Amino acid sequence: MTFLDSVIIPIEKKRGAQDSVDFRITSLVSHASKIVLKILTRRIESTVESYFGKDQFGFREVVA
């Protein structure tokens, strides 16, 4: 598996699934891509944080 490849694994939602809608799909990505994605996420979050006001809530992480 290279940096750009991922392995897609179907998981049954229901026992004995036959149709594609009865499966949940998950993908396995390489460790290197997980590290790069984490770095990019942190950089984007720190940049976007300055645009939010103090009263902006929602799905933001609580910082004490």
PDB file of N, CA and C in Angstrom:
ATOM      1  N   MET A   1       0.854  -1.172   0.000  1.00  0.00           N
ATOM      2  CA  MET A   1       0.000   0.000   0.000  1.00  0.00           C
ATOM      3  C   MET A   1       0.903   1.239   0.000  1.00  0.00           C
ATOM      4  N   THR A   2       0.679   2.128  -0.934  1.00  0.00           N
ATOM      5  CA  THR A   2       1.459   3.346  -1.026  1.00  0.00           C
ATOM      6  C   THR A   2       0.748   4.487  -0.318  1.00  0.00           C
ATOM      7  N   PHE A   3       1.350   5.640  -0.366  1.00  0.00           N
ATOM      8  CA  PHE A   3       0.825   6.825   0.308  1.00  0.00           C
ATOM      9  C   PHE A   3      -0.564   7.216  -0.198  1.00  0.00           C
ATOM     10  N   LEU A   4      -0.829   7.038  -1.471  1.00  0.00           N
ATOM     11  CA  LEU A   4      -2.089   7.467  -2.065  1.00  0.00           C
ATOM     12  C   LEU A   4      -3.145   6.365  -2.130  1.00  0.00           C
ATOM     13  N   ASP A   5      -2.786   5.143  -1.792  1.00  0.00           N
ATOM     14  CA  ASP A   5      -3.718   4.023  -1.866  1.00  0.00           C
ATOM     15  C   ASP A   5      -4.454   3.832  -0.546  1.00  0.00           C
ATOM     16  N   SER A   6      -5.624   3.271  -0.649  1.00  0.00           N
ATOM     17  CA  SER A   6      -6.350   2.847   0.543  1.00  0.00           C
ATOM     18  C   SER A   6      -7.070   1.551   0.224  1.00  0.00           C
ATOM     19  N   VAL A   7      -7.316   0.762   1.253  1.00  0.00           N
ATOM     20  CA  VAL A   7      -8.012  -0.501   1.102  1.00  0.00           C
ATOM     21  C   VAL A   7      -9.441  -0.282   1.560  1.00  0.00           C
ATOM     22  N   ILE A   8     -10.409  -0.570   0.687  1.00  0.00           N
ATOM     23  CA  ILE A   8     -11.822  -0.376   1.002  1.00  0.00           C
ATOM     24  C   ILE A   8     -12.399  -1.717   1.426  1.00  0.00           C
ATOM     25  N   ILE A   9     -13.035  -1.736   2.613  1.00  0.00           N
ATOM     26  CA  ILE A   9     -13.574  -2.959   3.170  1.00  0.00           C
ATOM     27  C   ILE A   9     -15.074  -2.805   3.398  1.00  0.00           C
ATOM     28  N   PRO A  10     -15.897  -3.663   2.787  1.00  0.00           N
ATOM     29  CA  PRO A  10     -17.339  -3.618   3.058  1.00  0.00           C
ATOM     30  C   PRO A  10     -17.665  -4.372   4.353  1.00  0.00           C
ATOM     31  N   ILE A  11     -18.507  -3.790   5.200  1.00  0.00           N
ATOM     32  CA  ILE A  11     -18.948  -4.408   6.441  1.00  0.00           C
ATOM     33  C   ILE A  11     -20.469  -4.528   6.380  1.00  0.00           C
ATOM     34  N   GLU A  12     -20.978  -5.700   6.700  1.00  0.00           N
ATOM     35  CA  GLU A  12     -22.411  -5.935   6.631  1.00  0.00           C
ATOM     36  C   GLU A  12     -23.160  -5.120   7.685  1.00  0.00           C
ATOM     37  N   LYS A  13     -24.233  -4.438   7.274  1.00  0.00           N
ATOM     38  CA  LYS A  13     -25.131  -3.786   8.216  1.00  0.00           C
ATOM     39  C   LYS A  13     -26.080  -4.823   8.807  1.00  0.00           C
ATOM     40  N   LYS A  14     -26.501  -5.743   7.947  1.00  0.00           N
ATOM     41  CA  LYS A  14     -27.420  -6.810   8.329  1.00  0.00           C
ATOM     42  C   LYS A  14     -26.750  -8.143   8.036  1.00  0.00           C
ATOM     43  N   ARG A  15     -27.060  -9.133   8.833  1.00  0.00           N
ATOM     44  CA  ARG A  15     -26.504 -10.465   8.614  1.00  0.00           C
ATOM     45  C   ARG A  15     -27.024 -11.028   7.289  1.00  0.00           C
ATOM     46  N   GLY A  16     -26.137 -11.590   6.488  1.00  0.00           N
ATOM     47  CA  GLY A  16     -26.517 -12.171   5.204  1.00  0.00           C
ATOM     48  C   GLY A  16     -26.844 -11.132   4.150  1.00  0.00           C
ATOM     49  N   ALA A  17     -26.193  -9.992   4.190  1.00  0.00           N
ATOM     50  CA  ALA A  17     -26.466  -8.899   3.257  1.00  0.00           C
ATOM     51  C   ALA A  17     -26.156  -9.326   1.823  1.00  0.00           C
ATOM     52  N   GLN A  18     -27.023  -8.908   0.903  1.00  0.00           N
ATOM     53  CA  GLN A  18     -26.840  -9.216  -0.513  1.00  0.00           C
ATOM     54  C   GLN A  18     -26.691  -7.960  -1.360  1.00  0.00           C
ATOM     55  N   ASP A  19     -27.503  -6.932  -1.075  1.00  0.00           N
ATOM     56  CA  ASP A  19     -27.474  -5.700  -1.855  1.00  0.00           C
ATOM     57  C   ASP A  19     -26.385  -4.769  -1.340  1.00  0.00           C
ATOM     58  N   SER A  20     -25.939  -3.872  -2.205  1.00  0.00           N
ATOM     59  CA  SER A  20     -24.886  -2.932  -1.816  1.00  0.00           C
ATOM     60  C   SER A  20     -25.345  -1.962  -0.725  1.00  0.00           C
ATOM     61  N   VAL A  21     -26.668  -1.694  -0.649  1.00  0.00           N
ATOM     62  CA  VAL A  21     -27.176  -0.783   0.388  1.00  0.00           C
ATOM     63  C   VAL A  21     -27.138  -1.418   1.771  1.00  0.00           C
ATOM     64  N   ASP A  22     -26.929  -2.724   1.836  1.00  0.00           N
ATOM     65  CA  ASP A  22     -26.865  -3.426   3.116  1.00  0.00           C
ATOM     66  C   ASP A  22     -25.445  -3.477   3.679  1.00  0.00           C
ATOM     67  N   PHE A  23     -24.525  -2.768   3.041  1.00  0.00           N
ATOM     68  CA  PHE A  23     -23.141  -2.759   3.493  1.00  0.00           C
ATOM     69  C   PHE A  23     -22.720  -1.358   3.915  1.00  0.00           C
ATOM     70  N   ARG A  24     -21.867  -1.291   4.885  1.00  0.00           N
ATOM     71  CA  ARG A  24     -21.224  -0.050   5.319  1.00  0.00           C
ATOM     72  C   ARG A  24     -19.781  -0.153   4.832  1.00  0.00           C
ATOM     73  N   ILE A  25     -19.267   0.918   4.254  1.00  0.00           N
ATOM     74  CA  ILE A  25     -17.919   0.905   3.682  1.00  0.00           C
ATOM     75  C   ILE A  25     -16.959   1.640   4.620  1.00  0.00           C
ATOM     76  N   THR A  26     -15.811   1.040   4.854  1.00  0.00           N
ATOM     77  CA  THR A  26     -14.741   1.710   5.592  1.00  0.00           C
ATOM     78  C   THR A  26     -13.461   1.563   4.776  1.00  0.00           C
ATOM     79  N   SER A  27     -12.560   2.506   4.944  1.00  0.00           N
ATOM     80  CA  SER A  27     -11.310   2.417   4.197  1.00  0.00           C
ATOM     81  C   SER A  27     -10.128   2.510   5.143  1.00  0.00           C
ATOM     82  N   LEU A  28      -9.097   1.771   4.820  1.00  0.00           N
ATOM     83  CA  LEU A  28      -7.863   1.782   5.594  1.00  0.00           C
ATOM     84  C   LEU A  28      -6.834   2.577   4.814  1.00  0.00           C
ATOM     85  N   VAL A  29      -6.307   3.628   5.432  1.00  0.00           N
ATOM     86  CA  VAL A  29      -5.294   4.448   4.780  1.00  0.00           C
ATOM     87  C   VAL A  29      -3.955   4.227   5.461  1.00  0.00           C
ATOM     88  N   SER A  30      -2.894   4.562   4.786  1.00  0.00           N
ATOM     89  CA  SER A  30      -1.560   4.326   5.333  1.00  0.00           C
ATOM     90  C   SER A  30      -1.275   5.256   6.510  1.00  0.00           C
ATOM     91  N   HIS A  31      -0.343   4.865   7.347  1.00  0.00           N
ATOM     92  CA  HIS A  31       0.033   5.676   8.507  1.00  0.00           C
ATOM     93  C   HIS A  31       0.583   7.034   8.092  1.00  0.00           C
ATOM     94  N   ALA A  32       1.336   7.059   6.994  1.00  0.00           N
ATOM     95  CA  ALA A  32       1.913   8.325   6.533  1.00  0.00           C
ATOM     96  C   ALA A  32       0.822   9.322   6.165  1.00  0.00           C
ATOM     97  N   SER A  33      -0.220   8.852   5.488  1.00  0.00           N
ATOM     98  CA  SER A  33      -1.289   9.772   5.116  1.00  0.00           C
ATOM     99  C   SER A  33      -2.082  10.236   6.335  1.00  0.00           C
ATOM    100  N   LYS A  34      -2.229   9.384   7.351  1.00  0.00           N
ATOM    101  CA  LYS A  34      -2.899   9.793   8.584  1.00  0.00           C
ATOM    102  C   LYS A  34      -2.128  10.923   9.265  1.00  0.00           C
ATOM    103  N   ILE A  35      -0.816  10.830   9.278  1.00  0.00           N
ATOM    104  CA  ILE A  35       0.025  11.859   9.893  1.00  0.00           C
ATOM    105  C   ILE A  35      -0.113  13.180   9.136  1.00  0.00           C
ATOM    106  N   VAL A  36      -0.054  13.108   7.804  1.00  0.00           N
ATOM    107  CA  VAL A  36      -0.184  14.315   6.986  1.00  0.00           C
ATOM    108  C   VAL A  36      -1.562  14.940   7.180  1.00  0.00           C
ATOM    109  N   LEU A  37      -2.609  14.124   7.209  1.00  0.00           N
ATOM    110  CA  LEU A  37      -3.959  14.637   7.415  1.00  0.00           C
ATOM    111  C   LEU A  37      -4.108  15.305   8.778  1.00  0.00           C
ATOM    112  N   LYS A  38      -3.491  14.747   9.797  1.00  0.00           N
ATOM    113  CA  LYS A  38      -3.551  15.341  11.143  1.00  0.00           C
ATOM    114  C   LYS A  38      -2.842  16.694  11.166  1.00  0.00           C
ATOM    115  N   ILE A  39      -1.691  16.792  10.507  1.00  0.00           N
ATOM    116  CA  ILE A  39      -0.955  18.063  10.437  1.00  0.00           C
ATOM    117  C   ILE A  39      -1.788  19.113   9.710  1.00  0.00           C
ATOM    118  N   LEU A  40      -2.364  18.745   8.573  1.00  0.00           N
ATOM    119  CA  LEU A  40      -3.190  19.683   7.810  1.00  0.00           C
ATOM    120  C   LEU A  40      -4.414  20.122   8.605  1.00  0.00           C
ATOM    121  N   THR A  41      -5.047  19.191   9.304  1.00  0.00           N
ATOM    122  CA  THR A  41      -6.220  19.528  10.112  1.00  0.00           C
ATOM    123  C   THR A  41      -5.874  20.532  11.196  1.00  0.00           C
ATOM    124  N   ARG A  42      -4.764  20.333  11.878  1.00  0.00           N
ATOM    125  CA  ARG A  42      -4.351  21.274  12.931  1.00  0.00           C
ATOM    126  C   ARG A  42      -4.042  22.658  12.367  1.00  0.00           C
ATOM    127  N   ARG A  43      -3.410  22.714  11.208  1.00  0.00           N
ATOM    128  CA  ARG A  43      -3.107  24.007  10.593  1.00  0.00           C
ATOM    129  C   ARG A  43      -4.378  24.735  10.164  1.00  0.00           C
ATOM    130  N   ILE A  44      -5.296  24.000   9.580  1.00  0.00           N
ATOM    131  CA  ILE A  44      -6.562  24.610   9.155  1.00  0.00           C
ATOM    132  C   ILE A  44      -7.352  25.085  10.363  1.00  0.00           C
ATOM    133  N   GLU A  45      -7.426  24.266  11.419  1.00  0.00           N
ATOM    134  CA  GLU A  45      -8.165  24.652  12.623  1.00  0.00           C
ATOM    135  C   GLU A  45      -7.587  25.905  13.257  1.00  0.00           C
ATOM    136  N   SER A  46      -6.270  26.020  13.313  1.00  0.00           N
ATOM    137  CA  SER A  46      -5.666  27.202  13.932  1.00  0.00           C
ATOM    138  C   SER A  46      -5.910  28.452  13.092  1.00  0.00           C
ATOM    139  N   THR A  47      -5.961  28.314  11.777  1.00  0.00           N
ATOM    140  CA  THR A  47      -6.235  29.448  10.903  1.00  0.00           C
ATOM    141  C   THR A  47      -7.692  29.876  11.005  1.00  0.00           C
ATOM    142  N   VAL A  48      -8.598  28.931  10.991  1.00  0.00           N
ATOM    143  CA  VAL A  48     -10.031  29.213  11.021  1.00  0.00           C
ATOM    144  C   VAL A  48     -10.454  29.769  12.378  1.00  0.00           C
ATOM    145  N   GLU A  49      -9.785  29.373  13.426  1.00  0.00           N
ATOM    146  CA  GLU A  49     -10.142  29.801  14.786  1.00  0.00           C
ATOM    147  C   GLU A  49     -10.169  31.323  14.916  1.00  0.00           C
ATOM    148  N   SER A  50      -9.301  32.009  14.212  1.00  0.00           N
ATOM    149  CA  SER A  50      -9.250  33.471  14.316  1.00  0.00           C
ATOM    150  C   SER A  50     -10.471  34.144  13.675  1.00  0.00           C
ATOM    151  N   TYR A  51     -11.191  33.428  12.810  1.00  0.00           N
ATOM    152  CA  TYR A  51     -12.370  33.991  12.164  1.00  0.00           C
ATOM    153  C   TYR A  51     -13.643  33.849  13.000  1.00  0.00           C
ATOM    154  N   PHE A  52     -13.622  32.979  13.995  1.00  0.00           N
ATOM    155  CA  PHE A  52     -14.801  32.756  14.828  1.00  0.00           C
ATOM    156  C   PHE A  52     -14.848  33.758  15.965  1.00  0.00           C
ATOM    157  N   GLY A  53     -16.040  34.191  16.303  1.00  0.00           N
ATOM    158  CA  GLY A  53     -16.228  35.072  17.436  1.00  0.00           C
ATOM    159  C   GLY A  53     -16.323  34.279  18.727  1.00  0.00           C
ATOM    160  N   LYS A  54     -16.344  34.999  19.857  1.00  0.00           N
ATOM    161  CA  LYS A  54     -16.433  34.339  21.160  1.00  0.00           C
ATOM    162  C   LYS A  54     -17.770  33.626  21.341  1.00  0.00           C
ATOM    163  N   ASP A  55     -18.814  34.100  20.660  1.00  0.00           N
ATOM    164  CA  ASP A  55     -20.131  33.505  20.819  1.00  0.00           C
ATOM    165  C   ASP A  55     -20.413  32.381  19.826  1.00  0.00           C
ATOM    166  N   GLN A  56     -19.431  32.013  19.020  1.00  0.00           N
ATOM    167  CA  GLN A  56     -19.604  30.942  18.039  1.00  0.00           C
ATOM    168  C   GLN A  56     -19.430  29.595  18.727  1.00  0.00           C
ATOM    169  N   PHE A  57     -20.484  28.787  18.738  1.00  0.00           N
ATOM    170  CA  PHE A  57     -20.419  27.476  19.390  1.00  0.00           C
ATOM    171  C   PHE A  57     -20.548  26.400  18.354  1.00  0.00           C
ATOM    172  N   GLY A  58     -21.142  25.302  18.660  1.00  0.00           N
ATOM    173  CA  GLY A  58     -21.349  24.229  17.694  1.00  0.00           C
ATOM    174  C   GLY A  58     -20.409  23.087  17.960  1.00  0.00           C
ATOM    175  N   PHE A  59     -19.685  22.685  16.935  1.00  0.00           N
ATOM    176  CA  PHE A  59     -18.827  21.515  17.039  1.00  0.00           C
ATOM    177  C   PHE A  59     -17.374  21.882  17.323  1.00  0.00           C
ATOM    178  N   ARG A  60     -17.156  22.986  17.981  1.00  0.00           N
ATOM    179  CA  ARG A  60     -15.794  23.409  18.308  1.00  0.00           C
ATOM    180  C   ARG A  60     -15.316  22.711  19.557  1.00  0.00           C
ATOM    181  N   GLU A  61     -14.021  22.495  19.631  1.00  0.00           N
ATOM    182  CA  GLU A  61     -13.417  21.868  20.795  1.00  0.00           C
ATOM    183  C   GLU A  61     -13.407  22.890  21.945  1.00  0.00           C
ATOM    184  N   VAL A  62     -13.711  22.404  23.133  1.00  0.00           N
ATOM    185  CA  VAL A  62     -13.736  23.265  24.309  1.00  0.00           C
ATOM    186  C   VAL A  62     -12.308  23.436  24.819  1.00  0.00           C
ATOM    187  N   VAL A  63     -11.855  24.677  24.894  1.00  0.00           N
ATOM    188  CA  VAL A  63     -10.510  24.969  25.374  1.00  0.00           C
ATOM    189  C   VAL A  63     -10.645  25.672  26.725  1.00  0.00           C
ATOM    190  N   ALA A  64     -10.016  25.098  27.743  1.00  0.00           N
ATOM    191  CA  ALA A  64     -10.124  25.657  29.084  1.00  0.00           C
ATOM    192  C   ALA A  64      -9.152  26.785  29.308  1.00  0.00           C
TER     193      ALA A  64
END
